[in-house]
Amino acid sequence: MAEQTAAQHELASLIVKSLNLETVTADQIEPDAPLFGGDLGLDSIDALEIALAVSKRYGFQLRSDNPENRQIFATLRTLSDHVEQHRAV
């Protein structure tokens, strides 16, 4: 299992809390495992919830019409990298 960075752990905690994941802890989200279609069982509605939580916490919007969303939301690592590049907080 790859170690999460502090930023990845913070984001993983936000994901667990915003989606009310009862069977998963932030520490269990692998940085390079797929967020969607993998063990977490997340779907497009979950992506919207994550985007809303990210915008509230980090002060920027993840737009649904962004053609790079599939890559941004691919893994915890890619989402965390995107957040770190764009965060206002």
Protein backbone atom coordinates (compact mmCIF):
# COMPACT_ATOMS: atom_id res chain seq x y z
CA MET A 1 0.00 0.00 0.00
CA ALA A 2 1.36 3.40 -0.99
CA GLU A 3 1.61 6.02 1.75
CA GLN A 4 -0.74 8.96 1.51
CA THR A 5 0.72 12.44 1.66
CA ALA A 6 -0.79 14.87 4.17
CA ALA A 7 -2.74 16.55 1.36
CA GLN A 8 -4.03 13.20 0.10
CA HIS A 9 -5.10 12.18 3.60
CA GLU A 10 -6.94 15.48 4.09
CA LEU A 11 -8.77 14.98 0.79
CA ALA A 12 -9.51 11.32 1.53
CA SER A 13 -11.02 12.38 4.88
CA LEU A 14 -13.16 14.95 3.07
CA ILE A 15 -14.35 12.28 0.61
CA VAL A 16 -15.24 9.82 3.39
CA LYS A 17 -17.09 12.50 5.35
CA SER A 18 -18.93 14.12 2.43
CA LEU A 19 -20.09 10.75 1.02
CA ASN A 20 -20.87 9.28 4.45
CA LEU A 21 -18.79 6.20 3.65
CA GLU A 22 -19.43 3.92 6.61
CA THR A 23 -17.27 0.97 5.59
CA VAL A 24 -14.19 2.92 4.47
CA THR A 25 -11.73 5.10 6.37
CA ALA A 26 -9.54 7.77 4.82
CA ASP A 27 -6.47 5.60 5.45
CA GLN A 28 -7.95 2.80 3.35
CA ILE A 29 -8.16 4.87 0.16
CA GLU A 30 -5.13 3.96 -1.92
CA PRO A 31 -3.54 6.99 -3.62
CA ASP A 32 -3.26 5.20 -6.99
CA ALA A 33 -6.43 3.07 -6.91
CA PRO A 34 -9.35 4.14 -9.13
CA LEU A 35 -11.88 6.31 -7.30
CA PHE A 36 -14.66 5.20 -9.66
CA GLY A 37 -15.37 1.67 -10.83
CA GLY A 38 -13.09 0.24 -8.17
CA ASP A 39 -13.41 -0.97 -4.60
CA LEU A 40 -15.06 2.23 -3.38
CA GLY A 41 -18.06 1.78 -5.66
CA LEU A 42 -18.39 5.50 -6.37
CA ASP A 43 -20.59 6.79 -9.19
CA SER A 44 -21.30 10.05 -11.03
CA ILE A 45 -23.52 11.36 -8.21
CA ASP A 46 -20.61 10.82 -5.82
CA ALA A 47 -18.39 12.84 -8.18
CA LEU A 48 -20.82 15.75 -7.88
CA GLU A 49 -20.78 15.46 -4.08
CA ILE A 50 -16.97 15.40 -4.06
CA ALA A 51 -16.85 18.43 -6.37
CA LEU A 52 -19.21 20.34 -4.04
CA ALA A 53 -17.18 19.41 -0.96
CA VAL A 54 -13.93 20.41 -2.67
CA SER A 55 -15.36 23.78 -3.72
CA LYS A 56 -16.54 24.50 -0.16
CA ARG A 57 -13.30 23.40 1.47
CA TYR A 58 -10.69 24.61 -1.00
CA GLY A 59 -12.35 27.64 -2.59
CA PHE A 60 -12.43 26.69 -6.27
CA GLN A 61 -14.91 24.93 -8.53
CA LEU A 62 -14.53 21.58 -10.23
CA ARG A 63 -16.72 22.14 -13.27
CA SER A 64 -18.81 19.31 -14.67
CA ASP A 65 -18.02 20.42 -18.24
CA ASN A 66 -14.25 20.18 -17.80
CA PRO A 67 -12.97 17.74 -20.45
CA GLU A 68 -10.17 16.67 -18.07
CA ASN A 69 -12.54 15.44 -15.32
CA ARG A 70 -11.94 11.77 -16.12
CA GLN A 71 -8.22 12.29 -15.51
CA ILE A 72 -8.70 14.62 -12.52
CA PHE A 73 -11.01 12.17 -10.74
CA ALA A 74 -9.05 9.05 -11.75
CA THR A 75 -7.35 8.47 -8.39
CA LEU A 76 -6.89 10.12 -5.03
CA ARG A 77 -3.40 11.16 -6.18
CA THR A 78 -4.62 12.89 -9.36
CA LEU A 79 -7.48 14.63 -7.56
CA SER A 80 -5.17 15.74 -4.76
CA ASP A 81 -2.61 17.07 -7.25
CA HIS A 82 -5.35 19.07 -9.01
CA VAL A 83 -6.62 20.45 -5.70
CA GLU A 84 -3.13 21.47 -4.62
CA GLN A 85 -2.59 23.33 -7.91
CA HIS A 86 -5.86 25.26 -7.69
CA ARG A 87 -6.75 25.67 -4.03
CA ALA A 88 -7.44 29.15 -2.73
CA VAL A 89 -7.13 28.26 0.94
